[in-house]
């Protein structure tokens, strides 16, 4: 089964969790080496600018999920 069978979620909270997963998978696909990601984690985990950029990526992915769900129609 695909790691992304659908963008459809039951609730906005599930949609936000999916947005986080999309963001994390983008990093994993871009840098597939687990050890390399582990070595870099400290660099961005303690950098306010990096954390702000992560929030922006998640927000963009959340917009995508929200649109796919028609903003969790009535």
PDB file of N, CA and C in Angstrom:
ATOM      1  N   UNK A   1       0.842  -1.190   0.000  1.00  0.00           N
ATOM      2  CA  UNK A   1       0.000   0.000   0.000  1.00  0.00           C
ATOM      3  C   UNK A   1       0.881   1.247   0.000  1.00  0.00           C
ATOM      4  N   UNK A   2       0.439   2.246  -0.695  1.00  0.00           N
ATOM      5  CA  UNK A   2       1.131   3.520  -0.780  1.00  0.00           C
ATOM      6  C   UNK A   2       1.143   4.216   0.584  1.00  0.00           C
ATOM      7  N   UNK A   3       2.182   4.986   0.845  1.00  0.00           N
ATOM      8  CA  UNK A   3       2.209   5.761   2.086  1.00  0.00           C
ATOM      9  C   UNK A   3       1.216   6.919   2.025  1.00  0.00           C
ATOM     10  N   UNK A   4       0.713   7.215   0.806  1.00  0.00           N
ATOM     11  CA  UNK A   4      -0.250   8.306   0.633  1.00  0.00           C
ATOM     12  C   UNK A   4      -1.418   7.819  -0.222  1.00  0.00           C
ATOM     13  N   UNK A   5      -2.315   7.064   0.390  1.00  0.00           N
ATOM     14  CA  UNK A   5      -3.436   6.544  -0.400  1.00  0.00           C
ATOM     15  C   UNK A   5      -4.455   7.615  -0.795  1.00  0.00           C
ATOM     16  N   UNK A   6      -4.506   8.724  -0.029  1.00  0.00           N
ATOM     17  CA  UNK A   6      -5.492   9.757  -0.312  1.00  0.00           C
ATOM     18  C   UNK A   6      -5.152  11.029   0.460  1.00  0.00           C
ATOM     19  N   UNK A   7      -5.607  12.148  -0.059  1.00  0.00           N
ATOM     20  CA  UNK A   7      -5.513  13.408   0.682  1.00  0.00           C
ATOM     21  C   UNK A   7      -6.782  13.666   1.492  1.00  0.00           C
ATOM     22  N   UNK A   8      -7.773  12.814   1.343  1.00  0.00           N
ATOM     23  CA  UNK A   8      -9.048  12.999   2.025  1.00  0.00           C
ATOM     24  C   UNK A   8      -8.918  12.574   3.484  1.00  0.00           C
ATOM     25  N   UNK A   9      -9.344  13.444   4.388  1.00  0.00           N
ATOM     26  CA  UNK A   9      -9.331  13.150   5.818  1.00  0.00           C
ATOM     27  C   UNK A   9     -10.700  13.477   6.403  1.00  0.00           C
ATOM     28  N   UNK A  10     -10.982  12.891   7.550  1.00  0.00           N
ATOM     29  CA  UNK A  10     -12.295  13.081   8.176  1.00  0.00           C
ATOM     30  C   UNK A  10     -12.417  14.425   8.888  1.00  0.00           C
ATOM     31  N   UNK A  11     -11.316  14.929   9.406  1.00  0.00           N
ATOM     32  CA  UNK A  11     -11.369  16.154  10.203  1.00  0.00           C
ATOM     33  C   UNK A  11     -10.193  17.071   9.845  1.00  0.00           C
ATOM     34  N   UNK A  12     -10.303  18.337  10.202  1.00  0.00           N
ATOM     35  CA  UNK A  12      -9.168  19.238  10.004  1.00  0.00           C
ATOM     36  C   UNK A  12      -7.924  18.773  10.783  1.00  0.00           C
ATOM     37  N   UNK A  13      -8.119  18.239  11.976  1.00  0.00           N
ATOM     38  CA  UNK A  13      -6.971  17.763  12.756  1.00  0.00           C
ATOM     39  C   UNK A  13      -6.242  16.633  12.026  1.00  0.00           C
ATOM     40  N   UNK A  14      -6.995  15.699  11.476  1.00  0.00           N
ATOM     41  CA  UNK A  14      -6.377  14.639  10.675  1.00  0.00           C
ATOM     42  C   UNK A  14      -5.686  15.238   9.451  1.00  0.00           C
ATOM     43  N   UNK A  15      -6.275  16.260   8.884  1.00  0.00           N
ATOM     44  CA  UNK A  15      -5.669  16.941   7.744  1.00  0.00           C
ATOM     45  C   UNK A  15      -4.347  17.592   8.107  1.00  0.00           C
ATOM     46  N   UNK A  16      -4.289  18.177   9.295  1.00  0.00           N
ATOM     47  CA  UNK A  16      -3.047  18.805   9.746  1.00  0.00           C
ATOM     48  C   UNK A  16      -1.969  17.749   9.975  1.00  0.00           C
ATOM     49  N   UNK A  17      -2.361  16.623  10.565  1.00  0.00           N
ATOM     50  CA  UNK A  17      -1.407  15.520  10.758  1.00  0.00           C
ATOM     51  C   UNK A  17      -0.888  15.026   9.405  1.00  0.00           C
ATOM     52  N   UNK A  18      -1.761  14.972   8.417  1.00  0.00           N
ATOM     53  CA  UNK A  18      -1.340  14.563   7.081  1.00  0.00           C
ATOM     54  C   UNK A  18      -0.375  15.593   6.488  1.00  0.00           C
ATOM     55  N   UNK A  19      -0.635  16.869   6.727  1.00  0.00           N
ATOM     56  CA  UNK A  19       0.267  17.915   6.237  1.00  0.00           C
ATOM     57  C   UNK A  19       1.666  17.755   6.837  1.00  0.00           C
ATOM     58  N   UNK A  20       1.733  17.413   8.104  1.00  0.00           N
ATOM     59  CA  UNK A  20       3.023  17.169   8.743  1.00  0.00           C
ATOM     60  C   UNK A  20       3.704  15.968   8.098  1.00  0.00           C
ATOM     61  N   UNK A  21       2.925  14.911   7.856  1.00  0.00           N
ATOM     62  CA  UNK A  21       3.502  13.719   7.227  1.00  0.00           C
ATOM     63  C   UNK A  21       4.029  14.037   5.823  1.00  0.00           C
ATOM     64  N   UNK A  22       3.271  14.810   5.065  1.00  0.00           N
ATOM     65  CA  UNK A  22       3.734  15.212   3.734  1.00  0.00           C
ATOM     66  C   UNK A  22       5.065  15.957   3.829  1.00  0.00           C
ATOM     67  N   UNK A  23       5.175  16.838   4.795  1.00  0.00           N
ATOM     68  CA  UNK A  23       6.392  17.622   4.975  1.00  0.00           C
ATOM     69  C   UNK A  23       7.568  16.729   5.362  1.00  0.00           C
ATOM     70  N   UNK A  24       7.323  15.802   6.268  1.00  0.00           N
ATOM     71  CA  UNK A  24       8.386  14.893   6.702  1.00  0.00           C
ATOM     72  C   UNK A  24       8.820  13.969   5.573  1.00  0.00           C
ATOM     73  N   UNK A  25       7.870  13.506   4.799  1.00  0.00           N
ATOM     74  CA  UNK A  25       8.205  12.612   3.684  1.00  0.00           C
ATOM     75  C   UNK A  25       9.008  13.359   2.617  1.00  0.00           C
ATOM     76  N   UNK A  26       8.745  14.637   2.436  1.00  0.00           N
ATOM     77  CA  UNK A  26       9.526  15.416   1.468  1.00  0.00           C
ATOM     78  C   UNK A  26      10.991  15.448   1.881  1.00  0.00           C
ATOM     79  N   UNK A  27      11.240  15.619   3.173  1.00  0.00           N
ATOM     80  CA  UNK A  27      12.618  15.626   3.663  1.00  0.00           C
ATOM     81  C   UNK A  27      13.240  14.241   3.476  1.00  0.00           C
ATOM     82  N   UNK A  28      12.488  13.212   3.821  1.00  0.00           N
ATOM     83  CA  UNK A  28      13.005  11.839   3.706  1.00  0.00           C
ATOM     84  C   UNK A  28      13.313  11.483   2.253  1.00  0.00           C
ATOM     85  N   UNK A  29      12.466  11.906   1.336  1.00  0.00           N
ATOM     86  CA  UNK A  29      12.686  11.615  -0.082  1.00  0.00           C
ATOM     87  C   UNK A  29      13.859  12.431  -0.639  1.00  0.00           C
ATOM     88  N   UNK A  30      14.017  13.652  -0.123  1.00  0.00           N
ATOM     89  CA  UNK A  30      15.102  14.508  -0.576  1.00  0.00           C
ATOM     90  C   UNK A  30      16.448  14.037  -0.024  1.00  0.00           C
ATOM     91  N   UNK A  31      16.456  13.604   1.247  1.00  0.00           N
ATOM     92  CA  UNK A  31      17.678  13.095   1.875  1.00  0.00           C
ATOM     93  C   UNK A  31      17.364  11.707   2.446  1.00  0.00           C
ATOM     94  N   UNK A  32      17.516  10.655   1.635  1.00  0.00           N
ATOM     95  CA  UNK A  32      17.133   9.309   2.064  1.00  0.00           C
ATOM     96  C   UNK A  32      18.073   8.673   3.092  1.00  0.00           C
ATOM     97  N   UNK A  33      19.216   9.271   3.370  1.00  0.00           N
ATOM     98  CA  UNK A  33      20.180   8.720   4.316  1.00  0.00           C
ATOM     99  C   UNK A  33      19.768   9.062   5.756  1.00  0.00           C
ATOM    100  N   UNK A  34      19.315   8.051   6.501  1.00  0.00           N
ATOM    101  CA  UNK A  34      18.872   8.273   7.882  1.00  0.00           C
ATOM    102  C   UNK A  34      19.966   8.900   8.742  1.00  0.00           C
ATOM    103  N   UNK A  35      21.191   8.414   8.584  1.00  0.00           N
ATOM    104  CA  UNK A  35      22.300   8.941   9.385  1.00  0.00           C
ATOM    105  C   UNK A  35      22.554  10.415   9.078  1.00  0.00           C
ATOM    106  N   UNK A  36      22.503  10.773   7.820  1.00  0.00           N
ATOM    107  CA  UNK A  36      22.720  12.176   7.446  1.00  0.00           C
ATOM    108  C   UNK A  36      21.638  13.058   8.053  1.00  0.00           C
ATOM    109  N   UNK A  37      20.386  12.611   7.974  1.00  0.00           N
ATOM    110  CA  UNK A  37      19.300  13.403   8.576  1.00  0.00           C
ATOM    111  C   UNK A  37      19.509  13.537  10.075  1.00  0.00           C
ATOM    112  N   UNK A  38      19.945  12.459  10.705  1.00  0.00           N
ATOM    113  CA  UNK A  38      20.194  12.494  12.142  1.00  0.00           C
ATOM    114  C   UNK A  38      21.300  13.476  12.515  1.00  0.00           C
ATOM    115  N   UNK A  39      22.356  13.519  11.718  1.00  0.00           N
ATOM    116  CA  UNK A  39      23.455  14.448  11.978  1.00  0.00           C
ATOM    117  C   UNK A  39      23.008  15.902  11.816  1.00  0.00           C
ATOM    118  N   UNK A  40      22.117  16.157  10.886  1.00  0.00           N
ATOM    119  CA  UNK A  40      21.672  17.533  10.628  1.00  0.00           C
ATOM    120  C   UNK A  40      20.595  18.009  11.600  1.00  0.00           C
ATOM    121  N   UNK A  41      19.949  17.077  12.264  1.00  0.00           N
ATOM    122  CA  UNK A  41      18.797  17.434  13.109  1.00  0.00           C
ATOM    123  C   UNK A  41      19.142  18.526  14.122  1.00  0.00           C
ATOM    124  N   UNK A  42      20.286  18.406  14.764  1.00  0.00           N
ATOM    125  CA  UNK A  42      20.668  19.414  15.756  1.00  0.00           C
ATOM    126  C   UNK A  42      20.819  20.801  15.174  1.00  0.00           C
ATOM    127  N   UNK A  43      21.258  20.874  13.922  1.00  0.00           N
ATOM    128  CA  UNK A  43      21.435  22.176  13.273  1.00  0.00           C
ATOM    129  C   UNK A  43      20.122  22.928  13.147  1.00  0.00           C
ATOM    130  N   UNK A  44      19.072  22.238  12.718  1.00  0.00           N
ATOM    131  CA  UNK A  44      17.807  22.951  12.525  1.00  0.00           C
ATOM    132  C   UNK A  44      16.926  22.937  13.766  1.00  0.00           C
ATOM    133  N   UNK A  45      17.108  21.972  14.632  1.00  0.00           N
ATOM    134  CA  UNK A  45      16.273  21.889  15.835  1.00  0.00           C
ATOM    135  C   UNK A  45      16.523  23.050  16.790  1.00  0.00           C
ATOM    136  N   UNK A  46      17.684  23.669  16.680  1.00  0.00           N
ATOM    137  CA  UNK A  46      18.039  24.774  17.562  1.00  0.00           C
ATOM    138  C   UNK A  46      18.156  26.095  16.814  1.00  0.00           C
ATOM    139  N   UNK A  47      17.500  26.185  15.668  1.00  0.00           N
ATOM    140  CA  UNK A  47      17.590  27.382  14.840  1.00  0.00           C
ATOM    141  C   UNK A  47      16.178  27.912  14.594  1.00  0.00           C
ATOM    142  N   UNK A  48      15.886  29.077  15.139  1.00  0.00           N
ATOM    143  CA  UNK A  48      14.540  29.646  15.024  1.00  0.00           C
ATOM    144  C   UNK A  48      14.114  29.836  13.572  1.00  0.00           C
ATOM    145  N   UNK A  49      15.031  30.264  12.713  1.00  0.00           N
ATOM    146  CA  UNK A  49      14.688  30.464  11.298  1.00  0.00           C
ATOM    147  C   UNK A  49      14.311  29.142  10.634  1.00  0.00           C
ATOM    148  N   UNK A  50      15.047  28.082  10.938  1.00  0.00           N
ATOM    149  CA  UNK A  50      14.736  26.773  10.372  1.00  0.00           C
ATOM    150  C   UNK A  50      13.369  26.280  10.840  1.00  0.00           C
ATOM    151  N   UNK A  51      13.078  26.474  12.112  1.00  0.00           N
ATOM    152  CA  UNK A  51      11.786  26.031  12.644  1.00  0.00           C
ATOM    153  C   UNK A  51      10.635  26.830  12.040  1.00  0.00           C
ATOM    154  N   UNK A  52      10.861  28.125  11.816  1.00  0.00           N
ATOM    155  CA  UNK A  52       9.840  28.942  11.164  1.00  0.00           C
ATOM    156  C   UNK A  52       9.604  28.460   9.744  1.00  0.00           C
ATOM    157  N   UNK A  53      10.669  28.107   9.035  1.00  0.00           N
ATOM    158  CA  UNK A  53      10.527  27.610   7.665  1.00  0.00           C
ATOM    159  C   UNK A  53       9.769  26.289   7.637  1.00  0.00           C
ATOM    160  N   UNK A  54      10.003  25.438   8.628  1.00  0.00           N
ATOM    161  CA  UNK A  54       9.265  24.178   8.725  1.00  0.00           C
ATOM    162  C   UNK A  54       7.771  24.471   8.873  1.00  0.00           C
ATOM    163  N   UNK A  55       7.448  25.429   9.717  1.00  0.00           N
ATOM    164  CA  UNK A  55       6.033  25.792   9.910  1.00  0.00           C
ATOM    165  C   UNK A  55       5.404  26.273   8.610  1.00  0.00           C
ATOM    166  N   UNK A  56       6.160  27.003   7.812  1.00  0.00           N
ATOM    167  CA  UNK A  56       5.647  27.487   6.530  1.00  0.00           C
ATOM    168  C   UNK A  56       5.386  26.328   5.573  1.00  0.00           C
ATOM    169  N   UNK A  57       6.275  25.345   5.546  1.00  0.00           N
ATOM    170  CA  UNK A  57       6.087  24.185   4.675  1.00  0.00           C
ATOM    171  C   UNK A  57       4.855  23.396   5.108  1.00  0.00           C
ATOM    172  N   UNK A  58       4.704  23.191   6.407  1.00  0.00           N
ATOM    173  CA  UNK A  58       3.527  22.470   6.904  1.00  0.00           C
ATOM    174  C   UNK A  58       2.258  23.243   6.557  1.00  0.00           C
ATOM    175  N   UNK A  59       2.285  24.559   6.714  1.00  0.00           N
ATOM    176  CA  UNK A  59       1.111  25.377   6.392  1.00  0.00           C
ATOM    177  C   UNK A  59       0.738  25.256   4.921  1.00  0.00           C
ATOM    178  N   UNK A  60       1.729  25.257   4.047  1.00  0.00           N
ATOM    179  CA  UNK A  60       1.463  25.093   2.613  1.00  0.00           C
ATOM    180  C   UNK A  60       0.842  23.729   2.339  1.00  0.00           C
ATOM    181  N   UNK A  61       1.394  22.692   2.956  1.00  0.00           N
ATOM    182  CA  UNK A  61       0.819  21.355   2.770  1.00  0.00           C
ATOM    183  C   UNK A  61      -0.584  21.270   3.354  1.00  0.00           C
ATOM    184  N   UNK A  62      -0.831  21.958   4.467  1.00  0.00           N
ATOM    185  CA  UNK A  62      -2.174  21.951   5.051  1.00  0.00           C
ATOM    186  C   UNK A  62      -3.171  22.629   4.114  1.00  0.00           C
ATOM    187  N   UNK A  63      -2.754  23.689   3.444  1.00  0.00           N
ATOM    188  CA  UNK A  63      -3.634  24.336   2.457  1.00  0.00           C
ATOM    189  C   UNK A  63      -4.009  23.353   1.359  1.00  0.00           C
ATOM    190  N   UNK A  64      -3.056  22.569   0.902  1.00  0.00           N
ATOM    191  CA  UNK A  64      -3.308  21.574  -0.139  1.00  0.00           C
ATOM    192  C   UNK A  64      -4.320  20.540   0.344  1.00  0.00           C
ATOM    193  N   UNK A  65      -4.111  20.031   1.544  1.00  0.00           N
ATOM    194  CA  UNK A  65      -5.028  19.022   2.097  1.00  0.00           C
ATOM    195  C   UNK A  65      -6.416  19.631   2.303  1.00  0.00           C
ATOM    196  N   UNK A  66      -6.470  20.851   2.813  1.00  0.00           N
ATOM    197  CA  UNK A  66      -7.764  21.505   3.037  1.00  0.00           C
ATOM    198  C   UNK A  66      -8.524  21.670   1.729  1.00  0.00           C
ATOM    199  N   UNK A  67      -7.829  22.066   0.674  1.00  0.00           N
ATOM    200  CA  UNK A  67      -8.493  22.215  -0.617  1.00  0.00           C
ATOM    201  C   UNK A  67      -8.991  20.868  -1.133  1.00  0.00           C
ATOM    202  N   UNK A  68      -8.203  19.824  -0.947  1.00  0.00           N
ATOM    203  CA  UNK A  68      -8.627  18.485  -1.384  1.00  0.00           C
ATOM    204  C   UNK A  68      -9.876  18.033  -0.638  1.00  0.00           C
ATOM    205  N   UNK A  69     -10.050  18.530   0.572  1.00  0.00           N
ATOM    206  CA  UNK A  69     -11.205  18.166   1.397  1.00  0.00           C
ATOM    207  C   UNK A  69     -12.312  19.207   1.327  1.00  0.00           C
ATOM    208  N   UNK A  70     -12.217  20.095   0.359  1.00  0.00           N
ATOM    209  CA  UNK A  70     -13.195  21.186   0.229  1.00  0.00           C
ATOM    210  C   UNK A  70     -13.438  21.865   1.577  1.00  0.00           C
ATOM    211  N   UNK A  71     -12.339  22.086   2.291  1.00  0.00           N
ATOM    212  CA  UNK A  71     -12.367  22.747   3.597  1.00  0.00           C
ATOM    213  C   UNK A  71     -13.361  22.065   4.546  1.00  0.00           C
ATOM    214  N   UNK A  72     -13.350  20.733   4.529  1.00  0.00           N
ATOM    215  CA  UNK A  72     -14.174  19.892   5.391  1.00  0.00           C
ATOM    216  C   UNK A  72     -15.636  20.318   5.345  1.00  0.00           C
ATOM    217  N   UNK A  73     -16.138  20.081   4.143  1.00  0.00           N
ATOM    218  CA  UNK A  73     -17.526  20.457   3.843  1.00  0.00           C
ATOM    219  C   UNK A  73     -18.498  19.929   4.885  1.00  0.00           C
ATOM    220  N   UNK A  74     -19.506  20.727   5.080  1.00  0.00           N
ATOM    221  CA  UNK A  74     -20.580  20.555   6.026  1.00  0.00           C
ATOM    222  C   UNK A  74     -20.888  19.199   6.457  1.00  0.00           C
TER     223      UNK A  74
END
